[in-house]
Amino acid sequence: MLCKTPGTTMHAKGHLIRCSDVMNKVERCSTDDAVADVAGRMRTRRVGFLPVCDAHGRVVGTITDRDLTTRVLAERLSPDVPVLAVMSTGPITCRPSDPLEAAEQLMERYFKWRIVCVDARDRPVGVISLSDIADSEHGWRAAKLLREVSSRDVRVF
């Protein structure tokens, strides 16, 4: 059971919730992987997001199912195009030891539904999604974060 104090995310026993408490095991891909292979991996793993790593295993970007739709299918690119050509650069990351609230603030600031947890060498060790935070939060706090992250998707016609 969790309890909240204003501005913090705490376990019921008074311990600060860390990113490592809610992050999920991470699947990753490489910059030179073909987008078709990455799409198949996403389908098999039932995920819509993968960190993209360079030859040294460092996170250099992300790729989502939406990236595949809007940048590959809509542009009629080859399924053999490398992830590097269509990935989103500038990944937003946190550390497993960071307070969960820090990840929430990054998600809110950058309008991200997911954030990659990296080690000291910027290698991915986990992923935190908005739903992971919702599972660990009181409803009002998770709803506030959802509203903030979703606000970039609101379009006025």
N, C-alpha and C. Protein backbone atom coordinates (compact mmCIF):
# COMPACT_ATOMS: atom_id res chain seq x y z
N MET A 1 0.84 -1.19 0.00
CA MET A 1 0.00 0.00 0.00
C MET A 1 0.88 1.25 0.00
N LEU A 2 0.44 2.25 -0.71
CA LEU A 2 1.21 3.48 -0.81
C LEU A 2 0.45 4.62 -0.14
N CYS A 3 1.19 5.57 0.36
CA CYS A 3 0.58 6.79 0.87
C CYS A 3 1.32 7.97 0.27
N LYS A 4 0.64 9.08 0.22
CA LYS A 4 1.24 10.25 -0.41
C LYS A 4 1.29 11.42 0.55
N THR A 5 2.34 12.15 0.47
CA THR A 5 2.42 13.46 1.10
C THR A 5 2.59 14.44 -0.04
N PRO A 6 2.09 15.65 0.08
CA PRO A 6 2.19 16.58 -1.03
C PRO A 6 3.62 16.70 -1.55
N GLY A 7 3.76 16.48 -2.88
CA GLY A 7 5.06 16.65 -3.51
C GLY A 7 5.98 15.44 -3.42
N THR A 8 5.55 14.36 -2.79
CA THR A 8 6.41 13.18 -2.72
C THR A 8 5.62 11.92 -3.02
N THR A 9 6.33 10.89 -3.39
CA THR A 9 5.74 9.58 -3.63
C THR A 9 6.41 8.63 -2.64
N MET A 10 5.63 8.16 -1.68
CA MET A 10 6.19 7.37 -0.59
C MET A 10 5.48 6.02 -0.47
N HIS A 11 6.24 5.01 -0.04
CA HIS A 11 5.65 3.76 0.38
C HIS A 11 4.92 4.01 1.69
N ALA A 12 3.99 3.12 2.03
CA ALA A 12 3.23 3.27 3.26
C ALA A 12 4.14 3.31 4.48
N LYS A 13 5.29 2.65 4.42
CA LYS A 13 6.21 2.63 5.56
C LYS A 13 7.11 3.86 5.60
N GLY A 14 6.85 4.83 4.73
CA GLY A 14 7.61 6.08 4.77
C GLY A 14 8.86 6.11 3.92
N HIS A 15 9.08 5.08 3.11
CA HIS A 15 10.26 5.06 2.24
C HIS A 15 9.92 5.71 0.91
N LEU A 16 10.81 6.52 0.43
CA LEU A 16 10.64 7.18 -0.86
C LEU A 16 10.59 6.13 -1.96
N ILE A 17 9.64 6.26 -2.88
CA ILE A 17 9.58 5.35 -4.03
C ILE A 17 10.62 5.81 -5.04
N ARG A 18 11.44 4.89 -5.45
CA ARG A 18 12.49 5.14 -6.43
C ARG A 18 12.05 4.61 -7.80
N CYS A 19 12.69 5.09 -8.82
CA CYS A 19 12.38 4.62 -10.16
C CYS A 19 12.56 3.10 -10.27
N SER A 20 13.55 2.57 -9.59
CA SER A 20 13.79 1.13 -9.62
C SER A 20 12.62 0.33 -9.05
N ASP A 21 11.79 0.95 -8.22
CA ASP A 21 10.65 0.26 -7.63
C ASP A 21 9.53 0.00 -8.63
N VAL A 22 9.47 0.78 -9.70
CA VAL A 22 8.36 0.65 -10.64
C VAL A 22 8.80 0.34 -12.07
N MET A 23 10.10 0.45 -12.36
CA MET A 23 10.55 0.23 -13.74
C MET A 23 10.37 -1.23 -14.15
N ASN A 24 10.18 -1.42 -15.45
CA ASN A 24 10.04 -2.75 -16.03
C ASN A 24 11.31 -3.14 -16.77
N LYS A 25 11.48 -4.44 -16.93
CA LYS A 25 12.61 -4.94 -17.70
C LYS A 25 12.57 -4.31 -19.09
N VAL A 26 13.73 -4.00 -19.61
CA VAL A 26 13.80 -3.29 -20.88
C VAL A 26 14.23 -4.20 -22.01
N GLU A 27 13.55 -4.08 -23.12
CA GLU A 27 13.96 -4.66 -24.39
C GLU A 27 14.57 -3.49 -25.15
N ARG A 28 15.54 -3.72 -25.97
CA ARG A 28 16.18 -2.63 -26.70
C ARG A 28 16.46 -3.05 -28.14
N CYS A 29 16.81 -2.07 -28.95
CA CYS A 29 17.23 -2.35 -30.32
C CYS A 29 18.46 -1.50 -30.63
N SER A 30 19.05 -1.74 -31.78
CA SER A 30 20.25 -1.02 -32.20
C SER A 30 19.94 -0.08 -33.34
N THR A 31 20.79 0.91 -33.51
CA THR A 31 20.59 1.90 -34.57
C THR A 31 20.60 1.28 -35.96
N ASP A 32 21.30 0.16 -36.12
CA ASP A 32 21.38 -0.46 -37.44
C ASP A 32 20.37 -1.58 -37.67
N ASP A 33 19.51 -1.86 -36.69
CA ASP A 33 18.45 -2.86 -36.89
C ASP A 33 17.47 -2.38 -37.95
N ALA A 34 16.97 -3.29 -38.75
CA ALA A 34 15.95 -2.96 -39.74
C ALA A 34 14.63 -2.69 -39.04
N VAL A 35 13.87 -1.71 -39.53
CA VAL A 35 12.60 -1.36 -38.87
C VAL A 35 11.62 -2.53 -38.87
N ALA A 36 11.65 -3.38 -39.89
CA ALA A 36 10.76 -4.55 -39.92
C ALA A 36 11.07 -5.50 -38.77
N ASP A 37 12.36 -5.68 -38.50
CA ASP A 37 12.76 -6.55 -37.38
C ASP A 37 12.31 -5.95 -36.05
N VAL A 38 12.44 -4.64 -35.91
CA VAL A 38 12.03 -3.97 -34.68
C VAL A 38 10.52 -4.06 -34.50
N ALA A 39 9.78 -3.87 -35.57
CA ALA A 39 8.32 -3.99 -35.49
C ALA A 39 7.92 -5.40 -35.06
N GLY A 40 8.61 -6.40 -35.60
CA GLY A 40 8.32 -7.78 -35.20
C GLY A 40 8.64 -8.03 -33.74
N ARG A 41 9.73 -7.46 -33.27
CA ARG A 41 10.11 -7.60 -31.86
C ARG A 41 9.07 -6.93 -30.96
N MET A 42 8.60 -5.76 -31.37
CA MET A 42 7.56 -5.07 -30.59
C MET A 42 6.29 -5.92 -30.52
N ARG A 43 5.91 -6.52 -31.65
CA ARG A 43 4.71 -7.36 -31.67
C ARG A 43 4.89 -8.58 -30.75
N THR A 44 6.02 -9.23 -30.86
CA THR A 44 6.28 -10.41 -30.04
C THR A 44 6.27 -10.08 -28.55
N ARG A 45 6.90 -8.98 -28.18
CA ARG A 45 7.00 -8.56 -26.77
C ARG A 45 5.78 -7.79 -26.28
N ARG A 46 4.88 -7.46 -27.22
CA ARG A 46 3.67 -6.69 -26.90
C ARG A 46 4.00 -5.35 -26.26
N VAL A 47 4.95 -4.63 -26.90
CA VAL A 47 5.34 -3.29 -26.46
C VAL A 47 5.25 -2.35 -27.64
N GLY A 48 5.16 -1.07 -27.37
CA GLY A 48 5.09 -0.07 -28.42
C GLY A 48 6.23 0.92 -28.34
N PHE A 49 7.28 0.56 -27.62
CA PHE A 49 8.38 1.48 -27.36
C PHE A 49 9.64 0.69 -27.10
N LEU A 50 10.74 1.10 -27.73
CA LEU A 50 12.04 0.49 -27.46
C LEU A 50 13.11 1.57 -27.41
N PRO A 51 13.99 1.50 -26.42
CA PRO A 51 15.17 2.36 -26.45
C PRO A 51 16.08 1.90 -27.60
N VAL A 52 16.73 2.85 -28.23
CA VAL A 52 17.66 2.56 -29.31
C VAL A 52 19.07 2.80 -28.78
N CYS A 53 19.93 1.80 -28.97
CA CYS A 53 21.29 1.88 -28.43
C CYS A 53 22.34 1.92 -29.54
N ASP A 54 23.45 2.59 -29.23
CA ASP A 54 24.57 2.63 -30.17
C ASP A 54 25.41 1.36 -30.01
N ALA A 55 26.51 1.31 -30.71
CA ALA A 55 27.38 0.12 -30.69
C ALA A 55 27.97 -0.16 -29.31
N HIS A 56 27.97 0.84 -28.42
CA HIS A 56 28.50 0.66 -27.07
C HIS A 56 27.40 0.37 -26.05
N GLY A 57 26.16 0.23 -26.53
CA GLY A 57 25.05 -0.08 -25.64
C GLY A 57 24.41 1.12 -24.97
N ARG A 58 24.85 2.34 -25.32
CA ARG A 58 24.28 3.56 -24.74
C ARG A 58 23.00 3.96 -25.45
N VAL A 59 22.04 4.45 -24.69
CA VAL A 59 20.78 4.91 -25.28
C VAL A 59 21.04 6.21 -26.05
N VAL A 60 20.66 6.19 -27.34
CA VAL A 60 20.83 7.37 -28.18
C VAL A 60 19.50 7.87 -28.75
N GLY A 61 18.44 7.11 -28.50
CA GLY A 61 17.13 7.49 -29.01
C GLY A 61 16.09 6.48 -28.60
N THR A 62 14.90 6.67 -29.14
CA THR A 62 13.80 5.72 -28.91
C THR A 62 13.06 5.52 -30.22
N ILE A 63 12.34 4.42 -30.29
CA ILE A 63 11.46 4.17 -31.43
C ILE A 63 10.14 3.64 -30.88
N THR A 64 9.07 4.15 -31.44
CA THR A 64 7.73 3.76 -31.00
C THR A 64 6.94 3.18 -32.17
N ASP A 65 5.84 2.52 -31.83
CA ASP A 65 4.96 2.04 -32.88
C ASP A 65 4.43 3.21 -33.71
N ARG A 66 4.26 4.35 -33.08
CA ARG A 66 3.81 5.54 -33.81
C ARG A 66 4.89 6.02 -34.78
N ASP A 67 6.16 5.97 -34.38
CA ASP A 67 7.25 6.32 -35.30
C ASP A 67 7.21 5.42 -36.53
N LEU A 68 6.99 4.13 -36.31
CA LEU A 68 6.95 3.19 -37.42
C LEU A 68 5.79 3.51 -38.36
N THR A 69 4.66 3.91 -37.80
CA THR A 69 3.49 4.25 -38.62
C THR A 69 3.70 5.54 -39.40
N THR A 70 4.13 6.60 -38.70
CA THR A 70 4.21 7.91 -39.34
C THR A 70 5.48 8.14 -40.15
N ARG A 71 6.55 7.48 -39.79
CA ARG A 71 7.82 7.73 -40.48
C ARG A 71 8.22 6.64 -41.46
N VAL A 72 7.64 5.45 -41.31
CA VAL A 72 7.99 4.37 -42.22
C VAL A 72 6.82 4.07 -43.15
N LEU A 73 5.70 3.66 -42.59
CA LEU A 73 4.55 3.30 -43.43
C LEU A 73 4.00 4.49 -44.21
N ALA A 74 3.75 5.59 -43.54
CA ALA A 74 3.16 6.76 -44.20
C ALA A 74 4.08 7.33 -45.28
N GLU A 75 5.38 7.17 -45.09
CA GLU A 75 6.35 7.66 -46.08
C GLU A 75 6.73 6.58 -47.10
N ARG A 76 6.13 5.39 -46.93
CA ARG A 76 6.37 4.26 -47.83
C ARG A 76 7.87 3.89 -47.93
N LEU A 77 8.53 3.90 -46.77
CA LEU A 77 9.94 3.52 -46.72
C LEU A 77 10.07 2.01 -46.75
N SER A 78 11.24 1.55 -47.11
CA SER A 78 11.53 0.13 -47.14
C SER A 78 11.53 -0.45 -45.72
N PRO A 79 11.06 -1.68 -45.56
CA PRO A 79 11.12 -2.33 -44.25
C PRO A 79 12.56 -2.61 -43.80
N ASP A 80 13.50 -2.44 -44.72
CA ASP A 80 14.91 -2.67 -44.40
C ASP A 80 15.63 -1.41 -43.94
N VAL A 81 14.93 -0.27 -43.92
CA VAL A 81 15.57 0.97 -43.49
C VAL A 81 16.04 0.81 -42.04
N PRO A 82 17.22 1.34 -41.71
CA PRO A 82 17.70 1.19 -40.34
C PRO A 82 16.94 2.10 -39.37
N VAL A 83 16.83 1.66 -38.15
CA VAL A 83 16.15 2.42 -37.10
C VAL A 83 16.72 3.82 -36.99
N LEU A 84 18.01 3.97 -37.17
CA LEU A 84 18.66 5.28 -37.08
C LEU A 84 17.96 6.34 -37.94
N ALA A 85 17.42 5.93 -39.07
CA ALA A 85 16.80 6.88 -40.00
C ALA A 85 15.44 7.38 -39.52
N VAL A 86 14.80 6.69 -38.61
CA VAL A 86 13.43 7.06 -38.23
C VAL A 86 13.21 7.20 -36.72
N MET A 87 14.23 6.95 -35.94
CA MET A 87 14.07 7.02 -34.48
C MET A 87 13.94 8.46 -34.00
N SER A 88 13.44 8.61 -32.80
CA SER A 88 13.42 9.91 -32.13
C SER A 88 14.72 10.04 -31.36
N THR A 89 15.41 11.16 -31.53
CA THR A 89 16.69 11.36 -30.84
C THR A 89 16.47 12.14 -29.55
N GLY A 90 17.51 12.25 -28.76
CA GLY A 90 17.43 13.00 -27.51
C GLY A 90 16.55 12.33 -26.48
N PRO A 91 16.84 11.07 -26.14
CA PRO A 91 15.98 10.37 -25.18
C PRO A 91 15.96 11.05 -23.81
N ILE A 92 14.83 11.00 -23.17
CA ILE A 92 14.67 11.53 -21.82
C ILE A 92 14.90 10.34 -20.88
N THR A 93 15.87 10.49 -19.98
CA THR A 93 16.25 9.37 -19.12
C THR A 93 16.27 9.77 -17.65
N CYS A 94 16.25 8.74 -16.82
CA CYS A 94 16.42 8.91 -15.38
C CYS A 94 17.31 7.77 -14.90
N ARG A 95 17.65 7.79 -13.63
CA ARG A 95 18.45 6.73 -13.02
C ARG A 95 17.53 5.89 -12.12
N PRO A 96 17.82 4.62 -11.96
CA PRO A 96 17.01 3.79 -11.08
C PRO A 96 16.92 4.32 -9.64
N SER A 97 17.97 5.00 -9.20
CA SER A 97 18.00 5.51 -7.82
C SER A 97 17.25 6.83 -7.66
N ASP A 98 16.83 7.44 -8.78
CA ASP A 98 16.09 8.70 -8.69
C ASP A 98 14.73 8.49 -8.01
N PRO A 99 14.24 9.50 -7.30
CA PRO A 99 12.87 9.42 -6.78
C PRO A 99 11.89 9.33 -7.96
N LEU A 100 10.83 8.57 -7.81
CA LEU A 100 9.84 8.43 -8.86
C LEU A 100 9.30 9.80 -9.29
N GLU A 101 9.21 10.70 -8.35
CA GLU A 101 8.72 12.05 -8.67
C GLU A 101 9.59 12.73 -9.73
N ALA A 102 10.87 12.44 -9.75
CA ALA A 102 11.76 13.03 -10.77
C ALA A 102 11.36 12.53 -12.16
N ALA A 103 11.04 11.25 -12.28
CA ALA A 103 10.58 10.71 -13.57
C ALA A 103 9.25 11.34 -13.96
N GLU A 104 8.37 11.53 -12.99
CA GLU A 104 7.08 12.18 -13.27
C GLU A 104 7.29 13.58 -13.82
N GLN A 105 8.20 14.32 -13.21
CA GLN A 105 8.46 15.69 -13.65
C GLN A 105 9.04 15.73 -15.06
N LEU A 106 9.92 14.78 -15.37
CA LEU A 106 10.48 14.71 -16.73
C LEU A 106 9.40 14.37 -17.75
N MET A 107 8.54 13.43 -17.41
CA MET A 107 7.45 13.07 -18.32
C MET A 107 6.54 14.28 -18.58
N GLU A 108 6.25 14.99 -17.53
CA GLU A 108 5.38 16.16 -17.65
C GLU A 108 6.06 17.26 -18.47
N ARG A 109 7.31 17.54 -18.19
CA ARG A 109 8.03 18.61 -18.88
C ARG A 109 8.20 18.34 -20.37
N TYR A 110 8.49 17.06 -20.71
CA TYR A 110 8.77 16.73 -22.10
C TYR A 110 7.62 16.01 -22.80
N PHE A 111 6.47 15.90 -22.15
CA PHE A 111 5.27 15.27 -22.73
C PHE A 111 5.57 13.84 -23.19
N LYS A 112 6.16 13.06 -22.30
CA LYS A 112 6.53 11.69 -22.64
C LYS A 112 5.65 10.70 -21.87
N TRP A 113 5.24 9.64 -22.55
CA TRP A 113 4.44 8.59 -21.93
C TRP A 113 5.33 7.53 -21.29
N ARG A 114 6.61 7.50 -21.72
CA ARG A 114 7.57 6.52 -21.20
C ARG A 114 8.91 7.20 -21.02
N ILE A 115 9.68 6.66 -20.08
CA ILE A 115 11.01 7.20 -19.82
C ILE A 115 11.96 6.02 -19.59
N VAL A 116 13.18 6.15 -20.07
CA VAL A 116 14.17 5.08 -19.96
C VAL A 116 15.03 5.31 -18.72
N CYS A 117 15.18 4.27 -17.91
CA CYS A 117 16.11 4.31 -16.77
C CYS A 117 17.45 3.78 -17.27
N VAL A 118 18.50 4.54 -17.01
CA VAL A 118 19.83 4.17 -17.48
C VAL A 118 20.80 4.07 -16.30
N ASP A 119 21.85 3.29 -16.52
CA ASP A 119 22.89 3.19 -15.51
C ASP A 119 23.89 4.33 -15.69
N ALA A 120 24.99 4.28 -14.96
CA ALA A 120 25.98 5.36 -15.00
C ALA A 120 26.67 5.48 -16.36
N ARG A 121 26.61 4.44 -17.17
CA ARG A 121 27.20 4.48 -18.51
C ARG A 121 26.15 4.72 -19.59
N ASP A 122 24.97 5.17 -19.18
CA ASP A 122 23.85 5.46 -20.09
C ASP A 122 23.34 4.23 -20.83
N ARG A 123 23.47 3.09 -20.22
CA ARG A 123 22.92 1.85 -20.78
C ARG A 123 21.55 1.62 -20.15
N PRO A 124 20.58 1.21 -20.95
CA PRO A 124 19.22 1.05 -20.41
C PRO A 124 19.12 -0.13 -19.44
N VAL A 125 18.46 0.12 -18.32
CA VAL A 125 18.25 -0.94 -17.33
C VAL A 125 16.76 -1.12 -17.03
N GLY A 126 15.92 -0.23 -17.54
CA GLY A 126 14.49 -0.35 -17.31
C GLY A 126 13.72 0.74 -18.03
N VAL A 127 12.42 0.59 -18.05
CA VAL A 127 11.52 1.57 -18.64
C VAL A 127 10.39 1.82 -17.66
N ILE A 128 9.99 3.08 -17.52
CA ILE A 128 8.83 3.43 -16.71
C ILE A 128 7.81 4.05 -17.64
N SER A 129 6.60 3.52 -17.58
CA SER A 129 5.51 4.07 -18.39
C SER A 129 4.55 4.84 -17.50
N LEU A 130 3.73 5.63 -18.12
CA LEU A 130 2.71 6.36 -17.39
C LEU A 130 1.80 5.40 -16.63
N SER A 131 1.51 4.24 -17.21
CA SER A 131 0.66 3.27 -16.51
C SER A 131 1.37 2.66 -15.30
N ASP A 132 2.69 2.53 -15.35
CA ASP A 132 3.44 2.06 -14.18
C ASP A 132 3.30 3.05 -13.03
N ILE A 133 3.36 4.33 -13.36
CA ILE A 133 3.20 5.36 -12.34
C ILE A 133 1.78 5.36 -11.80
N ALA A 134 0.81 5.20 -12.70
CA ALA A 134 -0.60 5.16 -12.27
C ALA A 134 -0.83 4.00 -11.30
N ASP A 135 -0.18 2.88 -11.54
CA ASP A 135 -0.33 1.72 -10.66
C ASP A 135 0.26 1.97 -9.28
N SER A 136 1.21 2.90 -9.17
CA SER A 136 1.88 3.14 -7.90
C SER A 136 1.39 4.41 -7.20
N GLU A 137 0.46 5.11 -7.80
CA GLU A 137 0.00 6.41 -7.29
C GLU A 137 -1.45 6.37 -6.85
N HIS A 138 -1.81 7.37 -6.06
CA HIS A 138 -3.22 7.64 -5.83
C HIS A 138 -3.78 8.17 -7.14
N GLY A 139 -5.05 7.96 -7.36
CA GLY A 139 -5.70 8.35 -8.60
C GLY A 139 -5.53 9.81 -8.97
N TRP A 140 -5.62 10.72 -8.03
CA TRP A 140 -5.55 12.15 -8.36
C TRP A 140 -4.20 12.54 -8.92
N ARG A 141 -3.15 11.94 -8.40
CA ARG A 141 -1.80 12.29 -8.86
C ARG A 141 -1.54 11.73 -10.25
N ALA A 142 -1.96 10.48 -10.46
CA ALA A 142 -1.80 9.87 -11.77
C ALA A 142 -2.64 10.60 -12.81
N ALA A 143 -3.84 11.02 -12.43
CA ALA A 143 -4.71 11.75 -13.35
C ALA A 143 -4.09 13.09 -13.74
N LYS A 144 -3.49 13.76 -12.78
CA LYS A 144 -2.83 15.05 -13.07
C LYS A 144 -1.69 14.85 -14.08
N LEU A 145 -0.86 13.82 -13.86
CA LEU A 145 0.25 13.56 -14.77
C LEU A 145 -0.28 13.20 -16.16
N LEU A 146 -1.32 12.39 -16.23
CA LEU A 146 -1.91 12.02 -17.50
C LEU A 146 -2.41 13.25 -18.25
N ARG A 147 -3.08 14.15 -17.54
CA ARG A 147 -3.55 15.39 -18.17
C ARG A 147 -2.39 16.20 -18.73
N GLU A 148 -1.32 16.33 -17.97
CA GLU A 148 -0.17 17.13 -18.41
C GLU A 148 0.53 16.50 -19.62
N VAL A 149 0.76 15.21 -19.57
CA VAL A 149 1.46 14.53 -20.66
C VAL A 149 0.59 14.54 -21.92
N SER A 150 -0.71 14.37 -21.75
CA SER A 150 -1.62 14.31 -22.89
C SER A 150 -1.89 15.67 -23.50
N SER A 151 -1.60 16.74 -22.80
CA SER A 151 -1.97 18.07 -23.28
C SER A 151 -1.30 18.41 -24.60
N ARG A 152 -0.16 17.84 -24.90
CA ARG A 152 0.50 18.14 -26.18
C ARG A 152 -0.29 17.52 -27.34
N ASP A 153 -1.09 16.49 -27.06
CA ASP A 153 -1.83 15.81 -28.11
C ASP A 153 -3.16 16.50 -28.43
N VAL A 154 -3.55 17.48 -27.64
CA VAL A 154 -4.80 18.18 -27.86
C VAL A 154 -4.64 19.11 -29.05
N ARG A 155 -5.52 18.96 -30.00
CA ARG A 155 -5.48 19.80 -31.20
C ARG A 155 -6.80 20.58 -31.29
N VAL A 156 -6.70 21.83 -31.64
CA VAL A 156 -7.89 22.65 -31.85
C VAL A 156 -8.04 22.83 -33.35
N PHE A 157 -9.20 22.47 -33.87
CA PHE A 157 -9.44 22.58 -35.33
C PHE A 157 -10.40 23.70 -35.60
